Amino acid sequence: MKMLEYVFFHSQPFDQFVAYLKELGLQPETEIEEDCWEARLPEDLDDALSEKIEERYDRLMDLNQQLFDEEQDEGYHTAGVVVNLKDGDTVYAKVDPALLAKIMGVLTPVEFGDVVNAIVDAVEDPDERTLCQRMRDEEQG
């Protein structure tokens, strides 16, 4: 049977990915070698499920790259958050590594991405109404 392979170079995003797959009711095959973590799934997943998995994998690959880069740059510690702008540009916001580690210890990359995206949306498209006014307007229609 052909398998889809998902490769990571850091254990943290790998562990989060495997946990996500298990939440979806899947049982991935895993293999861990020296500095490489791999999860495999059957290729015959339905398209909607496959798309959800690919989306999560892409987000975790950003974290994977960040963690990998930090480990490679001994003596130079920096961390960043990927910020997707509404014009399609992607920029990186520099964040203190210790602070980002605390955040990632509590939130999944998707949850933190949702927070970042909400902030970006509020900055790029400000809405002067209070939250109560917005909720009332949404309820009305």
C-alpha atoms as a PDB file:
ATOM      1  CA  MET A   1       0.000   0.000   0.000  1.00  0.00           C
ATOM      2  CA  LYS A   2       1.314   3.432  -0.931  1.00  0.00           C
ATOM      3  CA  MET A   3       1.842   5.786   1.993  1.00  0.00           C
ATOM      4  CA  LEU A   4       1.916   9.553   2.405  1.00  0.00           C
ATOM      5  CA  GLU A   5       5.042  10.619   4.275  1.00  0.00           C
ATOM      6  CA  TYR A   6       5.261  13.608   6.613  1.00  0.00           C
ATOM      7  CA  VAL A   7       8.819  14.426   7.676  1.00  0.00           C
ATOM      8  CA  PHE A   8       9.941  16.683  10.534  1.00  0.00           C
ATOM      9  CA  PHE A   9      13.357  17.658  11.834  1.00  0.00           C
ATOM     10  CA  HIS A  10      12.293  18.491  15.368  1.00  0.00           C
ATOM     11  CA  SER A  11      10.336  16.411  17.864  1.00  0.00           C
ATOM     12  CA  GLN A  12       7.933  19.152  19.057  1.00  0.00           C
ATOM     13  CA  PRO A  13       6.019  19.698  15.780  1.00  0.00           C
ATOM     14  CA  PHE A  14       6.214  15.956  15.063  1.00  0.00           C
ATOM     15  CA  ASP A  15       4.572  15.149  18.417  1.00  0.00           C
ATOM     16  CA  GLN A  16       1.867  17.760  17.804  1.00  0.00           C
ATOM     17  CA  PHE A  17       1.214  16.361  14.314  1.00  0.00           C
ATOM     18  CA  VAL A  18       0.923  12.755  15.523  1.00  0.00           C
ATOM     19  CA  ALA A  19      -1.426  13.867  18.332  1.00  0.00           C
ATOM     20  CA  TYR A  20      -3.571  15.701  15.763  1.00  0.00           C
ATOM     21  CA  LEU A  21      -3.737  12.615  13.539  1.00  0.00           C
ATOM     22  CA  LYS A  22      -4.832  10.519  16.489  1.00  0.00           C
ATOM     23  CA  GLU A  23      -7.519  13.133  17.346  1.00  0.00           C
ATOM     24  CA  LEU A  24      -8.815  12.548  13.816  1.00  0.00           C
ATOM     25  CA  GLY A  25      -9.027   8.827  14.582  1.00  0.00           C
ATOM     26  CA  LEU A  26      -6.014   7.871  12.469  1.00  0.00           C
ATOM     27  CA  GLN A  27      -3.186   5.568  13.478  1.00  0.00           C
ATOM     28  CA  PRO A  28      -0.067   6.812  11.695  1.00  0.00           C
ATOM     29  CA  GLU A  29       3.014   4.689  11.298  1.00  0.00           C
ATOM     30  CA  THR A  30       5.933   6.541  12.844  1.00  0.00           C
ATOM     31  CA  GLU A  31       9.668   6.238  12.545  1.00  0.00           C
ATOM     32  CA  ILE A  32      12.298   8.193  14.406  1.00  0.00           C
ATOM     33  CA  GLU A  33      15.915   8.207  13.313  1.00  0.00           C
ATOM     34  CA  GLU A  34      18.767  10.394  14.504  1.00  0.00           C
ATOM     35  CA  ASP A  35      17.480  13.884  13.539  1.00  0.00           C
ATOM     36  CA  CYS A  36      14.452  12.891  11.487  1.00  0.00           C
ATOM     37  CA  TRP A  37      10.895  12.187  12.605  1.00  0.00           C
ATOM     38  CA  GLU A  38       8.461  10.685  10.119  1.00  0.00           C
ATOM     39  CA  ALA A  39       4.740   9.921  10.165  1.00  0.00           C
ATOM     40  CA  ARG A  40       3.089   7.865   7.428  1.00  0.00           C
ATOM     41  CA  LEU A  41      -0.558   7.480   6.461  1.00  0.00           C
ATOM     42  CA  PRO A  42      -2.299   5.447   3.758  1.00  0.00           C
ATOM     43  CA  GLU A  43      -2.557   7.352   0.498  1.00  0.00           C
ATOM     44  CA  ASP A  44      -6.252   6.526   0.063  1.00  0.00           C
ATOM     45  CA  LEU A  45      -7.586   9.119   2.561  1.00  0.00           C
ATOM     46  CA  ASP A  46     -10.653  11.048   1.480  1.00  0.00           C
ATOM     47  CA  ASP A  47      -9.920  14.447  -0.070  1.00  0.00           C
ATOM     48  CA  ALA A  48     -11.419  16.589   2.712  1.00  0.00           C
ATOM     49  CA  LEU A  49      -9.479  14.762   5.420  1.00  0.00           C
ATOM     50  CA  SER A  50      -6.310  14.832   3.366  1.00  0.00           C
ATOM     51  CA  GLU A  51      -6.675  18.597   2.894  1.00  0.00           C
ATOM     52  CA  LYS A  52      -7.103  19.157   6.659  1.00  0.00           C
ATOM     53  CA  ILE A  53      -4.006  17.088   7.350  1.00  0.00           C
ATOM     54  CA  GLU A  54      -1.947  18.933   4.722  1.00  0.00           C
ATOM     55  CA  GLU A  55      -3.027  22.287   6.171  1.00  0.00           C
ATOM     56  CA  ARG A  56      -1.927  21.260   9.679  1.00  0.00           C
ATOM     57  CA  TYR A  57       1.328  19.830   8.324  1.00  0.00           C
ATOM     58  CA  ASP A  58       2.121  23.080   6.496  1.00  0.00           C
ATOM     59  CA  ARG A  59       1.582  25.120   9.657  1.00  0.00           C
ATOM     60  CA  LEU A  60       3.678  22.767  11.746  1.00  0.00           C
ATOM     61  CA  MET A  61       6.432  22.887   9.133  1.00  0.00           C
ATOM     62  CA  ASP A  62       6.784  26.624   9.867  1.00  0.00           C
ATOM     63  CA  LEU A  63       7.341  25.781  13.538  1.00  0.00           C
ATOM     64  CA  ASN A  64       9.618  22.900  12.527  1.00  0.00           C
ATOM     65  CA  GLN A  65      11.782  25.239  10.446  1.00  0.00           C
ATOM     66  CA  GLN A  66      11.915  27.842  13.181  1.00  0.00           C
ATOM     67  CA  LEU A  67      13.001  25.320  15.819  1.00  0.00           C
ATOM     68  CA  PHE A  68      15.502  23.709  13.458  1.00  0.00           C
ATOM     69  CA  ASP A  69      17.001  27.103  12.594  1.00  0.00           C
ATOM     70  CA  GLU A  70      17.280  28.054  16.267  1.00  0.00           C
ATOM     71  CA  GLU A  71      19.195  24.872  17.014  1.00  0.00           C
ATOM     72  CA  GLN A  72      21.523  25.438  14.063  1.00  0.00           C
ATOM     73  CA  ASP A  73      22.311  29.020  15.102  1.00  0.00           C
ATOM     74  CA  GLU A  74      24.058  28.334  18.387  1.00  0.00           C
ATOM     75  CA  GLY A  75      24.755  31.581  20.155  1.00  0.00           C
ATOM     76  CA  TYR A  76      22.178  33.445  18.063  1.00  0.00           C
ATOM     77  CA  HIS A  77      18.748  32.878  19.480  1.00  0.00           C
ATOM     78  CA  THR A  78      15.771  34.386  17.755  1.00  0.00           C
ATOM     79  CA  ALA A  79      12.244  33.351  17.067  1.00  0.00           C
ATOM     80  CA  GLY A  80       9.560  34.595  14.776  1.00  0.00           C
ATOM     81  CA  VAL A  81       5.943  34.237  13.874  1.00  0.00           C
ATOM     82  CA  VAL A  82       4.727  33.926  10.319  1.00  0.00           C
ATOM     83  CA  VAL A  83       2.222  36.692   9.556  1.00  0.00           C
ATOM     84  CA  ASN A  84       0.046  36.392   6.448  1.00  0.00           C
ATOM     85  CA  LEU A  85      -1.169  39.742   5.166  1.00  0.00           C
ATOM     86  CA  LYS A  86      -4.422  40.185   3.253  1.00  0.00           C
ATOM     87  CA  ASP A  87      -2.504  41.297   0.132  1.00  0.00           C
ATOM     88  CA  GLY A  88      -0.925  37.835   0.043  1.00  0.00           C
ATOM     89  CA  ASP A  89       2.470  38.860   1.426  1.00  0.00           C
ATOM     90  CA  THR A  90       4.045  36.862   4.216  1.00  0.00           C
ATOM     91  CA  VAL A  91       6.234  38.573   6.785  1.00  0.00           C
ATOM     92  CA  TYR A  92       7.915  37.437   9.973  1.00  0.00           C
ATOM     93  CA  ALA A  93       7.379  39.105  13.335  1.00  0.00           C
ATOM     94  CA  LYS A  94      10.377  38.740  15.642  1.00  0.00           C
ATOM     95  CA  VAL A  95       9.344  37.353  19.045  1.00  0.00           C
ATOM     96  CA  ASP A  96      11.416  36.622  22.131  1.00  0.00           C
ATOM     97  CA  PRO A  97      12.172  32.859  21.983  1.00  0.00           C
ATOM     98  CA  ALA A  98      11.311  32.320  25.656  1.00  0.00           C
ATOM     99  CA  LEU A  99       7.938  34.027  25.203  1.00  0.00           C
ATOM    100  CA  LEU A 100       7.159  32.030  22.066  1.00  0.00           C
ATOM    101  CA  ALA A 101       8.107  28.808  23.859  1.00  0.00           C
ATOM    102  CA  LYS A 102       5.628  29.660  26.648  1.00  0.00           C
ATOM    103  CA  ILE A 103       2.890  30.358  24.115  1.00  0.00           C
ATOM    104  CA  MET A 104       3.574  27.138  22.191  1.00  0.00           C
ATOM    105  CA  GLY A 105       3.509  25.211  25.464  1.00  0.00           C
ATOM    106  CA  VAL A 106      -0.142  26.196  25.892  1.00  0.00           C
ATOM    107  CA  LEU A 107      -1.519  26.712  22.379  1.00  0.00           C
ATOM    108  CA  THR A 108      -1.297  24.609  19.253  1.00  0.00           C
ATOM    109  CA  PRO A 109       0.288  26.313  16.240  1.00  0.00           C
ATOM    110  CA  VAL A 110      -3.180  26.551  14.669  1.00  0.00           C
ATOM    111  CA  GLU A 111      -4.656  28.240  17.748  1.00  0.00           C
ATOM    112  CA  PHE A 112      -1.778  30.704  17.961  1.00  0.00           C
ATOM    113  CA  GLY A 113      -2.087  31.316  14.206  1.00  0.00           C
ATOM    114  CA  ASP A 114      -5.764  32.142  14.731  1.00  0.00           C
ATOM    115  CA  VAL A 115      -4.810  34.736  17.378  1.00  0.00           C
ATOM    116  CA  VAL A 116      -2.149  36.260  15.126  1.00  0.00           C
ATOM    117  CA  ASN A 117      -4.551  36.348  12.168  1.00  0.00           C
ATOM    118  CA  ALA A 118      -7.244  38.060  14.279  1.00  0.00           C
ATOM    119  CA  ILE A 119      -4.737  40.748  15.263  1.00  0.00           C
ATOM    120  CA  VAL A 120      -3.568  41.188  11.661  1.00  0.00           C
ATOM    121  CA  ASP A 121      -7.189  41.480  10.482  1.00  0.00           C
ATOM    122  CA  ALA A 122      -7.929  44.103  13.158  1.00  0.00           C
ATOM    123  CA  VAL A 123      -4.873  46.136  12.153  1.00  0.00           C
ATOM    124  CA  GLU A 124      -5.413  45.870   8.393  1.00  0.00           C
ATOM    125  CA  ASP A 125      -9.184  46.380   8.523  1.00  0.00           C
ATOM    126  CA  PRO A 126     -10.019  48.318  11.718  1.00  0.00           C
ATOM    127  CA  ASP A 127     -13.579  48.228  13.045  1.00  0.00           C
ATOM    128  CA  GLU A 128     -14.328  51.088  15.460  1.00  0.00           C
ATOM    129  CA  ARG A 129     -17.430  49.386  16.893  1.00  0.00           C
ATOM    130  CA  THR A 130     -17.218  47.821  20.344  1.00  0.00           C
ATOM    131  CA  LEU A 131     -17.272  44.027  20.587  1.00  0.00           C
ATOM    132  CA  CYS A 132     -20.818  44.228  21.988  1.00  0.00           C
ATOM    133  CA  GLN A 133     -21.942  46.255  18.972  1.00  0.00           C
ATOM    134  CA  ARG A 134     -20.326  43.783  16.599  1.00  0.00           C
ATOM    135  CA  MET A 135     -22.004  40.814  18.297  1.00  0.00           C
ATOM    136  CA  ARG A 136     -25.385  42.544  18.204  1.00  0.00           C
ATOM    137  CA  ASP A 137     -24.941  43.403  14.506  1.00  0.00           C
ATOM    138  CA  GLU A 138     -23.952  39.794  13.715  1.00  0.00           C
ATOM    139  CA  GLU A 139     -27.013  38.465  15.559  1.00  0.00           C
ATOM    140  CA  GLN A 140     -29.300  40.796  13.637  1.00  0.00           C
ATOM    141  CA  GLY A 141     -27.974  39.708  10.483  1.00  0.00           C
END
